[in-house]
Protein backbone atom coordinates (compact mmCIF):
# COMPACT_ATOMS: atom_id res chain seq x y z
CA MET A 1 108.80 8.33 -0.98
CA ILE A 2 108.20 5.02 -3.03
CA GLU A 3 105.63 6.14 -5.55
CA SER A 4 106.23 4.70 -8.84
CA PRO A 5 103.64 1.82 -10.41
CA LEU A 6 106.34 -1.24 -10.03
CA ALA A 7 108.02 -0.29 -6.79
CA LEU A 8 104.48 0.34 -4.74
CA PRO A 9 103.15 -2.86 -5.40
CA THR A 10 106.84 -4.49 -4.94
CA THR A 11 106.68 -3.21 -1.34
CA ILE A 12 103.39 -4.33 -0.83
CA ALA A 13 104.15 -7.57 -1.69
CA ALA A 14 107.24 -7.80 0.61
CA ALA A 15 105.83 -6.71 3.30
CA THR A 16 103.09 -9.60 2.75
CA ALA A 17 106.32 -11.72 2.48
CA LEU A 18 107.67 -10.57 5.35
CA ALA A 19 104.41 -11.31 7.48
CA PHE A 20 104.32 -14.89 6.27
CA TRP A 21 107.60 -15.78 7.20
CA LEU A 22 107.92 -14.36 10.81
CA ASP A 23 104.46 -16.06 11.19
CA TYR A 24 106.01 -19.10 10.49
CA ARG A 25 109.38 -19.25 11.55
CA VAL A 26 109.08 -16.86 14.68
CA PRO A 27 107.20 -18.69 17.21
CA ALA A 28 106.53 -15.75 19.35
CA LEU A 29 105.37 -13.95 16.06
CA GLY A 30 103.27 -17.00 14.88
CA LYS A 31 101.12 -15.66 17.86
CA VAL A 32 100.56 -12.23 16.53
CA GLY A 33 99.47 -13.85 13.16
CA ALA A 34 100.13 -12.78 9.77
CA SER A 35 97.06 -10.16 9.39
CA MET A 36 98.23 -8.40 12.64
CA LEU A 37 101.75 -8.14 11.18
CA ALA A 38 100.69 -7.19 7.70
CA LEU A 39 98.54 -4.46 9.19
CA ILE A 40 101.69 -2.88 11.13
CA PHE A 41 104.16 -2.95 8.47
CA GLY A 42 101.73 -1.25 6.71
CA ALA A 43 101.47 1.17 9.37
CA ILE A 44 105.36 1.86 9.51
CA LEU A 45 105.45 2.11 6.04
CA SER A 46 102.74 5.34 5.75
CA ASN A 47 103.43 6.86 9.09
CA THR A 48 107.62 6.84 8.34
CA GLY A 49 106.81 8.69 4.84
CA LEU A 50 107.69 5.92 3.10
CA VAL A 51 104.65 5.41 0.96
CA PRO A 52 101.74 7.68 -0.19
CA VAL A 53 98.58 7.60 1.39
CA GLU A 54 97.00 7.72 -2.01
CA SER A 55 98.02 5.93 -4.84
CA GLY A 56 95.85 4.00 -8.00
CA VAL A 57 97.80 0.79 -6.45
CA TYR A 58 95.78 0.87 -3.93
CA ASP A 59 92.16 1.42 -5.88
CA ALA A 60 93.35 -2.34 -7.62
CA VAL A 61 93.97 -3.37 -4.38
CA PHE A 62 90.79 -2.84 -2.25
CA GLY A 63 88.90 -3.46 -5.28
CA PRO A 64 89.47 -6.69 -7.62
CA VAL A 65 92.62 -7.72 -5.70
CA THR A 66 90.79 -8.17 -2.70
CA SER A 67 87.52 -9.41 -4.34
CA VAL A 68 89.65 -12.12 -6.45
CA ALA A 69 91.27 -13.32 -2.82
CA ILE A 70 87.80 -13.73 -1.32
CA ALA A 71 86.68 -15.47 -4.14
CA TRP A 72 89.45 -17.98 -3.65
CA LEU A 73 89.15 -18.54 -0.67
CA LEU A 74 85.43 -19.59 -0.51
CA LEU A 75 85.88 -21.98 -3.40
CA SER A 76 88.83 -23.89 -0.96
CA VAL A 77 85.13 -24.53 1.13
CA ASN A 78 83.85 -27.90 0.95
CA LEU A 79 80.64 -28.54 2.80
CA ARG A 80 80.48 -32.26 1.97
CA ASP A 81 83.05 -32.58 4.39
CA LEU A 82 80.70 -31.61 7.29
CA ARG A 83 80.21 -35.33 8.22
CA LYS A 84 83.61 -35.42 8.57
CA ALA A 85 82.95 -32.96 11.52
CA GLY A 86 80.34 -35.23 12.93
CA PRO A 87 76.90 -33.93 14.50
CA ARG A 88 78.34 -32.95 18.42
CA MET A 89 81.20 -30.21 16.99
CA VAL A 90 78.74 -28.88 14.08
CA GLY A 91 76.25 -28.49 16.82
CA ALA A 92 78.69 -27.44 19.30
CA PHE A 93 79.94 -24.76 16.32
CA GLY A 94 76.36 -23.65 16.34
CA VAL A 95 76.10 -22.76 19.49
CA ALA A 96 79.31 -20.35 19.48
CA VAL A 97 77.89 -18.87 16.17
CA ALA A 98 74.94 -18.13 17.98
CA GLY A 99 76.96 -16.39 20.98
CA THR A 100 78.55 -14.27 18.43
CA VAL A 101 75.05 -13.14 17.45
CA LEU A 102 74.28 -12.31 20.70
CA GLY A 103 77.50 -10.58 21.88
CA ALA A 104 77.52 -8.65 18.88
CA PHE A 105 73.75 -7.14 19.66
CA VAL A 106 74.99 -6.88 23.31
CA ALA A 107 77.67 -4.57 22.27
CA ALA A 108 75.66 -2.64 19.89
CA ALA A 109 73.45 -1.91 22.66
CA VAL A 110 75.94 -0.47 24.91
CA TYR A 111 77.58 1.32 23.03
CA GLY A 112 75.40 2.28 20.13
CA ALA A 113 74.57 5.66 21.53
CA HIS A 114 78.49 6.61 21.35
CA PHE A 115 79.30 5.23 17.96
CA GLY A 116 76.33 6.03 16.46
CA GLU A 117 75.87 5.20 12.36
CA ASP A 118 79.49 2.86 12.58
CA THR A 119 77.54 1.03 14.88
CA MET A 120 75.97 -1.23 12.49
CA PRO A 121 79.40 -1.94 10.58
CA MET A 122 81.30 -2.69 13.84
CA ALA A 123 78.66 -5.23 14.95
CA GLY A 124 78.32 -6.44 11.59
CA ALA A 125 82.40 -6.92 10.79
CA LEU A 126 82.56 -8.62 14.41
CA THR A 127 79.82 -11.36 13.83
CA GLY A 128 81.69 -11.71 10.60
CA THR A 129 84.77 -12.16 11.85
CA TYR A 130 84.08 -14.34 15.11
CA SER A 131 82.00 -16.74 13.13
CA GLY A 132 84.81 -17.91 11.17
CA GLY A 133 87.73 -15.41 11.09
CA SER A 134 89.46 -12.52 9.10
CA VAL A 135 87.81 -13.17 5.74
CA ASN A 136 84.14 -12.49 6.57
CA PHE A 137 85.93 -9.33 8.62
CA VAL A 138 86.79 -8.05 5.47
CA SER A 139 84.15 -9.01 3.24
CA VAL A 140 81.37 -7.23 5.53
CA GLY A 141 83.98 -4.39 7.19
CA ARG A 142 84.70 -3.45 3.36
CA GLU A 143 81.32 -3.44 2.11
CA LEU A 144 79.71 -1.74 5.34
CA GLY A 145 82.14 1.16 4.69
CA LEU A 146 84.33 0.91 7.73
CA SER A 147 86.50 4.31 7.49
CA GLY A 148 90.63 3.17 7.29
CA ALA A 149 90.88 3.98 10.77
CA LEU A 150 88.15 2.31 12.35
CA PHE A 151 88.92 -0.72 10.22
CA ALA A 152 92.54 -1.08 11.64
CA GLY A 153 91.14 -0.19 15.09
CA LEU A 154 89.10 -2.73 15.32
CA ASN A 155 91.50 -4.98 13.58
CA ALA A 156 93.95 -4.54 16.02
CA ALA A 157 91.48 -4.76 18.70
CA ASP A 158 90.19 -7.48 17.17
CA ALA A 159 93.55 -9.61 16.94
CA VAL A 160 94.07 -8.78 20.92
CA VAL A 161 91.01 -10.26 22.13
CA THR A 162 91.10 -13.19 19.69
CA GLY A 163 94.97 -13.70 21.60
CA LEU A 164 92.81 -13.82 25.02
CA TRP A 165 90.36 -16.09 23.97
CA LEU A 166 92.37 -18.27 22.47
CA ALA A 167 94.77 -18.16 25.78
CA ALA A 168 91.47 -18.58 27.78
CA CYS A 169 90.61 -21.76 25.78
CA LEU A 170 93.98 -23.66 26.56
CA VAL A 171 93.61 -22.98 30.05
CA LEU A 172 89.92 -23.75 30.62
CA PRO A 173 89.84 -26.90 29.91
CA LEU A 174 92.28 -27.64 32.90
CA TRP A 175 90.59 -25.49 35.51
CA ILE A 176 86.45 -26.31 34.48
CA GLY A 177 87.29 -29.48 32.40
CA ARG A 178 85.67 -31.62 35.31
CA PHE A 179 82.27 -29.63 35.05
CA TYR A 180 82.03 -30.77 31.56
CA ALA A 181 82.13 -34.32 30.04
CA PRO A 182 84.83 -36.30 29.73
CA VAL A 183 86.60 -35.41 26.45
CA GLU A 184 86.93 -38.45 24.75
CA SER A 185 90.50 -39.60 23.63
CA ALA A 186 92.22 -40.25 20.73
CA ASP A 187 92.08 -44.17 21.13
CA ASP A 188 88.55 -43.97 21.86
CA ALA A 189 87.68 -41.94 18.40
CA THR A 190 90.12 -44.18 16.02
CA GLY A 191 90.28 -47.75 17.89
CA SER A 192 93.73 -47.67 17.44
CA PRO A 193 96.54 -47.35 20.04
CA PRO A 194 98.47 -43.59 19.73
CA ALA A 195 100.46 -42.75 16.81
CA GLU A 196 104.31 -43.00 17.55
CA THR A 197 105.01 -39.08 16.80
CA GLU A 198 103.39 -37.49 19.55
CA SER A 199 102.86 -33.85 20.30
CA THR A 200 106.08 -34.38 22.77
CA THR A 201 108.69 -35.15 19.47
CA PRO A 202 109.74 -32.23 17.47
CA ALA A 203 107.34 -31.33 14.45
CA THR A 204 109.00 -32.34 10.85
CA GLU A 205 108.77 -30.00 8.34
CA SER A 206 105.74 -31.46 6.40
CA GLU A 207 104.05 -31.67 10.11
CA ARG A 208 104.35 -28.24 10.70
CA HIS A 209 102.87 -27.28 7.02
CA ALA A 210 100.07 -29.50 7.40
CA ARG A 211 99.35 -28.26 10.68
CA HIS A 212 98.96 -24.55 9.26
CA PRO A 213 96.11 -24.03 6.16
CA TYR A 214 98.19 -21.35 5.12
CA PHE A 215 101.79 -23.09 4.90
CA ALA A 216 100.17 -26.54 3.77
CA ARG A 217 101.98 -27.22 0.55
CA GLU A 218 99.93 -27.87 -2.27
CA GLY A 219 100.88 -29.71 -5.75
CA LEU A 220 99.63 -27.63 -8.76
CA SER A 221 100.29 -27.49 -12.23
CA ALA A 222 99.86 -24.15 -14.78
CA LEU A 223 96.18 -25.22 -15.93
CA SER A 224 95.19 -25.47 -12.38
CA ILE A 225 96.56 -21.84 -11.19
CA ALA A 226 95.12 -20.98 -14.83
CA ASN A 227 91.92 -22.33 -13.76
CA LEU A 228 91.86 -20.62 -10.51
CA VAL A 229 92.83 -17.42 -11.52
CA ALA A 230 89.83 -17.28 -14.33
CA ALA A 231 87.50 -18.35 -11.84
CA GLY A 232 87.75 -15.47 -9.52
CA LEU A 233 88.52 -13.32 -12.05
CA VAL A 234 84.91 -14.19 -13.77
CA LEU A 235 83.11 -14.87 -10.40
CA VAL A 236 83.99 -11.26 -9.16
CA PHE A 237 83.00 -10.21 -12.54
CA ALA A 238 79.11 -11.61 -12.11
CA ALA A 239 79.00 -10.67 -8.86
CA GLU A 240 79.43 -6.81 -9.80
CA TRP A 241 77.32 -7.11 -12.15
CA LEU A 242 74.46 -9.09 -10.28
CA GLY A 243 74.94 -6.40 -8.07
CA GLU A 244 73.94 -3.85 -10.13
CA VAL A 245 71.07 -5.48 -11.79
CA TRP A 246 69.82 -6.48 -7.87
CA PRO A 247 71.20 -3.30 -5.83
CA ALA A 248 69.36 -4.41 -3.15
CA VAL A 249 71.73 -7.52 -2.49
CA PRO A 250 75.14 -6.74 -2.02
CA SER A 251 77.70 -7.81 -4.47
CA ILE A 252 79.70 -9.43 -1.59
CA LEU A 253 76.74 -11.48 -0.90
CA TRP A 254 76.83 -12.37 -4.64
CA LEU A 255 79.76 -13.46 -4.63
CA THR A 256 79.80 -15.79 -1.50
CA THR A 257 77.00 -17.21 -3.34
CA LEU A 258 78.49 -17.88 -6.28
CA ALA A 259 81.79 -18.73 -4.99
CA LEU A 260 80.48 -21.66 -3.36
CA ALA A 261 77.67 -22.68 -6.00
CA LEU A 262 80.58 -23.23 -8.25
CA GLY A 263 83.20 -24.68 -5.70
CA HIS A 264 80.67 -27.18 -5.14
CA SER A 265 79.62 -27.76 -8.84
CA PRO A 266 81.11 -30.78 -11.40
CA LEU A 267 82.52 -27.50 -13.16
CA PHE A 268 84.60 -26.74 -10.50
CA ARG A 269 86.41 -30.16 -8.47
CA ASP A 270 89.81 -28.97 -8.00
CA ALA A 271 90.49 -25.87 -5.51
CA ARG A 272 93.77 -27.12 -4.46
CA GLY A 273 95.80 -23.83 -3.82
CA ALA A 274 92.90 -21.88 -3.65
CA MET A 275 93.12 -21.28 -0.19
CA GLN A 276 96.92 -20.11 -0.07
CA LEU A 277 96.19 -17.51 -3.50
CA GLY A 278 93.52 -16.12 -1.57
CA SER A 279 95.53 -15.83 1.98
CA VAL A 280 98.23 -14.00 -0.32
CA GLY A 281 95.42 -11.33 -1.56
CA LEU A 282 93.73 -11.06 1.88
CA HIS A 283 96.95 -9.81 3.43
CA PHE A 284 97.76 -7.23 0.45
CA PHE A 285 94.48 -6.32 1.48
CA PHE A 286 95.87 -5.86 5.05
CA VAL A 287 98.99 -4.09 4.21
CA LEU A 288 97.11 -1.51 2.43
CA ILE A 289 94.68 -1.26 5.84
CA GLY A 290 97.74 -0.16 7.44
CA ILE A 291 99.28 2.24 4.89
CA VAL A 292 95.76 4.34 4.79
CA SER A 293 96.22 4.67 8.66
CA ARG A 294 97.80 7.09 10.72
CA TRP A 295 98.78 6.49 14.25
CA SER A 296 97.10 9.44 15.09
CA GLU A 297 93.46 8.60 12.99
CA ILE A 298 94.07 4.87 15.08
CA ALA A 299 94.41 6.32 18.87
CA ALA A 300 91.79 8.63 18.41
CA VAL A 301 89.35 5.75 17.81
CA GLY A 302 89.95 5.15 21.58
CA VAL A 303 89.57 2.50 23.72
CA GLU A 304 85.88 2.01 23.39
CA VAL A 305 86.61 0.08 20.06
CA PHE A 306 88.10 -2.26 22.71
CA LEU A 307 85.43 -2.42 24.11
CA PHE A 308 83.28 -2.76 21.96
CA THR A 309 84.94 -5.99 20.77
CA LEU A 310 85.57 -7.58 24.35
CA ILE A 311 81.92 -7.65 24.99
CA VAL A 312 80.94 -9.34 21.77
CA VAL A 313 83.90 -12.35 22.66
CA ALA A 314 82.74 -11.86 26.71
CA VAL A 315 78.88 -12.79 25.75
CA HIS A 316 80.07 -15.40 23.24
CA ALA A 317 82.23 -17.22 25.79
CA VAL A 318 79.54 -16.75 28.76
CA PHE A 319 77.40 -18.55 26.03
CA VAL A 320 79.34 -20.97 24.67
CA LEU A 321 80.55 -22.50 27.90
CA GLY A 322 77.14 -22.24 29.79
CA MET A 323 75.06 -24.35 26.57
CA GLY A 324 78.14 -26.51 26.58
CA ARG A 325 77.29 -27.59 29.81
CA LEU A 326 73.85 -27.58 29.23
CA LEU A 327 73.83 -29.74 26.40
CA ARG A 328 76.43 -31.85 28.13
CA LEU A 329 79.45 -31.74 25.20
CA ASP A 330 83.23 -32.34 26.48
CA MET A 331 85.44 -29.05 27.09
CA GLY A 332 86.90 -30.44 24.14
CA THR A 333 84.29 -30.25 21.55
CA VAL A 334 83.30 -26.58 23.40
CA ALA A 335 86.65 -25.22 23.05
CA VAL A 336 87.46 -26.16 19.66
CA ALA A 337 84.21 -25.12 17.71
CA SER A 338 84.43 -21.91 19.73
CA GLN A 339 87.98 -21.39 18.24
CA ALA A 340 86.68 -22.28 14.72
CA ALA A 341 84.25 -19.79 15.55
CA VAL A 342 86.62 -16.56 16.88
CA GLY A 343 89.92 -17.45 15.58
CA GLY A 344 89.13 -19.74 12.12
CA PRO A 345 90.89 -23.00 11.13
CA SER A 346 93.91 -22.35 12.29
CA SER A 347 92.95 -21.36 15.80
CA ALA A 348 91.20 -24.49 16.30
CA LEU A 349 94.06 -26.60 14.60
CA ALA A 350 96.12 -24.39 17.84
CA VAL A 351 93.85 -25.86 20.69
CA ALA A 352 93.64 -29.23 19.24
CA ILE A 353 97.53 -29.90 19.30
CA SER A 354 98.22 -27.82 21.93
CA ARG A 355 95.80 -29.91 24.11
CA GLN A 356 96.60 -33.59 22.35
CA TRP A 357 92.96 -33.66 21.24
CA ARG A 358 94.12 -35.06 17.70
CA HIS A 359 90.44 -36.32 17.46
CA LEU A 360 89.42 -33.09 16.96
CA VAL A 361 91.97 -31.62 14.25
CA LEU A 362 89.93 -32.50 11.48
CA PRO A 363 86.34 -31.78 13.18
CA GLY A 364 87.54 -28.58 14.25
CA VAL A 365 89.37 -27.01 10.71
CA VAL A 366 85.98 -28.67 8.59
CA VAL A 367 83.83 -25.96 11.15
CA GLY A 368 86.27 -23.77 10.69
CA LEU A 369 85.92 -23.42 7.18
CA LEU A 370 82.45 -23.77 7.23
CA GLY A 371 82.69 -20.55 9.28
CA TYR A 372 83.64 -18.85 5.90
CA ALA A 373 80.55 -19.97 4.03
CA VAL A 374 78.29 -18.55 6.40
CA GLY A 375 80.44 -15.92 8.39
CA THR A 376 79.42 -13.27 5.87
CA TYR A 377 75.38 -14.08 5.63
CA LEU A 378 75.38 -13.56 9.28
CA GLY A 379 77.78 -9.97 9.67
CA PHE A 380 75.38 -8.77 7.21
CA GLY A 381 72.08 -9.96 9.02
CA VAL A 382 73.44 -8.68 12.20
CA ALA A 383 73.71 -5.34 9.98
CA ALA A 384 70.59 -5.24 8.21
CA VAL A 385 68.86 -5.96 11.38
CA LEU A 386 70.90 -2.66 13.76
CA ARG A 387 70.16 -0.48 10.70
């Protein structure tokens, strides 16, 4: 069994690196996503007896490492970019988030009696993740006390349902697009002829990096890295201190607010590499969730967790499609905004690129990053109402 304080974090780091490598290099596994792969690898390590279920190393990852990772991801959010997204995309994203909140309340009403006290953290975590992505799932779920098995089961259900909705957003424009306003072409949006490199040609290495936030190349100096590390640790320390002084406000909300404020202040304008570093730290957390979850415990969670998750996204889908029709939005804007909420920036990218809506790539990424900022607040808001 791998137990030493050096070998254990080495194993976690190796599992994380393997998850990213498979996500990047194997297209089929890229659809599963690095987050789910990291969780699976952690579960394999634990259930085969290669690593212990408890260790002081895990406490460090669950605590300060994950908190610093969340701080880095929030530092990468630039709300000034909202003007690049445009009012239609921002409005469509607002509709998508409202659909998520409504779905969480419906799921809580249907399964509240079954899950009891777990209903609140489940609804809060799903509200967070379906308003911007996994960083909010981790922030809200960890703070509200989701158990390891329930966290893993809910994360697995989230991955499956997110994949199903991603597939739906790729085919629905072909099936029902005629009932919506026509999608603006890239030529209409830019006023220029299409670029010579269309999606029919193989993507170059640099294009593949640019299309996925995790894999974008950033030029970093030692000073930039030192600033990121220092900023992340200072933010976590300040948030924990404020959480002790004002315990009515969870420390994760302090961390979210302080990170967004620092990221938009003159003191910290260069956050290059923050998303990449934060993504790595966050995936350490996913490996750990897999390690502390036994197969039997995940199975014991039951199919109801999947149905709870499915209701949230189903209500979101009906609300987004219905409001998109009433507001006369085009199907491209509706689909990309919905994926920015449900799957985050990378899912919005995938839909825009797959359907060749090049003019919606940047707006989709921008509102997806906006979801990082608002998802935690919304998750706690839903949990507070259900409390």
